[in-house]
């Protein structure tokens, strides 16, 4: 008995490797829905609500802080599949808000709806506007 389930890949944006991703996903048997560039937060949230994970990947040689894409996912309460070393990798590792994936590794994990709530809680705790203002106030107190 196989454990392979149907996959639908929703793509938002217009990256340089978009066509390659779409072709590869379709060849692998996934259904692909390409939404194009979307800036409206409500429309993005509707799409994110249909997803189990957000895909946050770059070339293996990239080592960056947080991507805007990962913050979008976290704000939507969407755990990520991530291969980007650095701050994002550390957040996923420390807080369990997705999967850190190395390109040659097989997937061996299961999805949990609890991870959505946890992901959003980490966003509120670390990246919300309220947290930003609290940190700015703390810095200003220290320098005045």
Protein backbone atom coordinates (compact mmCIF):
# COMPACT_ATOMS: atom_id res chain seq x y z
CA UNK A 1 0.00 0.00 0.00
CA UNK A 2 1.37 3.43 -0.93
CA UNK A 3 1.29 6.46 1.35
CA UNK A 4 1.56 8.96 -1.50
CA UNK A 5 -1.29 11.45 -1.44
CA UNK A 6 -2.43 13.93 -4.07
CA UNK A 7 -0.63 17.27 -3.85
CA UNK A 8 -1.80 20.70 -4.94
CA UNK A 9 0.90 23.35 -5.16
CA UNK A 10 -0.31 26.95 -4.92
CA UNK A 11 2.23 29.44 -6.26
CA UNK A 12 2.11 33.13 -5.41
CA UNK A 13 4.69 35.42 -6.98
CA UNK A 14 6.84 35.51 -10.04
CA UNK A 15 10.32 34.17 -9.30
CA UNK A 16 12.94 33.57 -11.97
CA UNK A 17 12.64 29.78 -11.60
CA UNK A 18 8.83 29.75 -11.58
CA UNK A 19 8.43 27.79 -14.83
CA UNK A 20 11.01 25.23 -13.74
CA UNK A 21 9.17 24.73 -10.44
CA UNK A 22 5.80 24.39 -12.18
CA UNK A 23 7.14 21.90 -14.74
CA UNK A 24 8.92 19.81 -12.10
CA UNK A 25 5.85 19.75 -9.83
CA UNK A 26 3.58 18.69 -12.68
CA UNK A 27 6.02 15.97 -13.79
CA UNK A 28 5.95 14.67 -10.21
CA UNK A 29 2.16 14.40 -10.34
CA UNK A 30 1.16 17.55 -8.47
CA UNK A 31 -1.68 19.82 -9.46
CA UNK A 32 -0.33 23.36 -9.81
CA UNK A 33 -2.36 26.52 -9.31
CA UNK A 34 -0.44 29.62 -10.30
CA UNK A 35 -1.91 32.77 -8.71
CA UNK A 36 0.68 35.30 -9.93
CA UNK A 37 1.68 38.31 -7.87
CA UNK A 38 -0.73 39.00 -5.03
CA UNK A 39 -0.34 41.94 -2.67
CA UNK A 40 -3.77 41.88 -1.03
CA UNK A 41 -3.31 40.31 2.41
CA UNK A 42 -6.83 38.84 2.49
CA UNK A 43 -6.37 37.07 -0.86
CA UNK A 44 -3.00 35.70 0.26
CA UNK A 45 -4.51 34.48 3.53
CA UNK A 46 -7.28 32.66 1.63
CA UNK A 47 -4.64 30.83 -0.40
CA UNK A 48 -2.45 30.13 2.65
CA UNK A 49 -5.48 28.68 4.43
CA UNK A 50 -5.63 25.99 1.71
CA UNK A 51 -2.03 24.97 2.36
CA UNK A 52 -0.22 22.80 4.88
CA UNK A 53 3.22 24.39 4.39
CA UNK A 54 4.87 27.36 2.73
CA UNK A 55 7.91 26.65 0.58
CA UNK A 56 10.94 28.73 1.59
CA UNK A 57 13.89 27.51 -0.48
CA UNK A 58 16.96 28.96 -2.20
CA UNK A 59 20.21 27.65 -3.63
CA UNK A 60 22.26 25.68 -1.09
CA UNK A 61 24.96 28.35 -1.11
CA UNK A 62 22.59 31.07 0.19
CA UNK A 63 22.96 32.02 3.85
CA UNK A 64 20.61 34.86 4.81
CA UNK A 65 18.56 36.26 7.63
CA UNK A 66 14.81 36.06 7.37
CA UNK A 67 13.11 36.27 4.00
CA UNK A 68 10.00 38.42 3.51
CA UNK A 69 8.33 35.28 2.22
CA UNK A 70 8.96 33.41 5.49
CA UNK A 71 7.56 36.29 7.54
CA UNK A 72 4.44 36.28 5.31
CA UNK A 73 4.05 32.57 6.01
CA UNK A 74 4.57 32.98 9.75
CA UNK A 75 2.05 35.83 9.93
CA UNK A 76 -0.47 33.59 8.17
CA UNK A 77 0.21 30.81 10.69
CA UNK A 78 1.70 28.65 7.94
CA UNK A 79 4.63 26.40 8.90
CA UNK A 80 7.40 26.25 6.31
CA UNK A 81 9.54 23.79 4.44
CA UNK A 82 12.86 25.59 4.59
CA UNK A 83 16.37 24.98 3.30
CA UNK A 84 17.81 28.44 4.00
CA UNK A 85 20.57 28.42 6.60
CA UNK A 86 20.79 31.23 9.10
CA UNK A 87 18.06 32.93 11.11
CA UNK A 88 15.15 31.13 9.45
CA UNK A 89 16.78 27.72 9.95
CA UNK A 90 17.39 28.54 13.61
CA UNK A 91 13.77 29.68 14.16
CA UNK A 92 12.37 26.53 12.60
CA UNK A 93 14.76 24.38 14.61
CA UNK A 94 14.18 26.15 17.93
CA UNK A 95 10.40 26.62 17.75
CA UNK A 96 9.26 23.69 15.58
CA UNK A 97 7.43 25.92 13.09
CA UNK A 98 8.16 23.87 10.04
CA UNK A 99 10.72 21.54 8.55
CA UNK A 100 14.36 22.31 7.84
CA UNK A 101 15.16 20.27 4.79
CA UNK A 102 18.46 19.44 3.18
CA UNK A 103 18.18 18.85 -0.55
CA UNK A 104 19.34 15.23 -0.45
CA UNK A 105 17.09 14.21 2.45
CA UNK A 106 13.86 12.23 2.13
CA UNK A 107 10.76 13.60 3.81
CA UNK A 108 9.81 11.54 6.82
CA UNK A 109 7.46 13.71 8.83
CA UNK A 110 3.76 14.19 9.33
CA UNK A 111 1.67 17.33 9.24
CA UNK A 112 -0.02 18.62 12.38
CA UNK A 113 -2.69 21.31 12.50
CA UNK A 114 -1.24 22.39 15.87
CA UNK A 115 1.85 23.62 14.04
CA UNK A 116 -0.24 26.37 12.37
CA UNK A 117 -1.23 27.90 15.71
CA UNK A 118 2.30 27.55 17.02
CA UNK A 119 3.70 29.27 13.93
CA UNK A 120 1.36 32.25 14.34
CA UNK A 121 2.19 32.51 18.06
CA UNK A 122 5.90 32.72 17.23
CA UNK A 123 5.16 35.43 14.65
CA UNK A 124 3.24 37.47 17.25
CA UNK A 125 5.97 36.96 19.84
CA UNK A 126 8.87 37.91 17.56
CA UNK A 127 7.68 39.92 14.56
CA UNK A 128 4.36 41.66 15.27
CA UNK A 129 4.04 45.44 15.17
CA UNK A 130 3.47 45.47 18.95
CA UNK A 131 6.72 43.58 19.51
CA UNK A 132 8.56 45.98 17.21
CA UNK A 133 7.34 48.99 19.20
CA UNK A 134 8.21 47.34 22.51
CA UNK A 135 11.75 46.70 21.28
CA UNK A 136 12.11 50.27 20.01
CA UNK A 137 10.95 51.58 23.42
CA UNK A 138 13.50 49.35 25.15
CA UNK A 139 16.30 50.66 22.94
CA UNK A 140 15.23 54.27 23.48
CA UNK A 141 15.16 53.74 27.27
CA UNK A 142 18.72 52.43 27.14
CA UNK A 143 20.09 55.37 25.20
CA UNK A 144 18.25 58.16 27.04
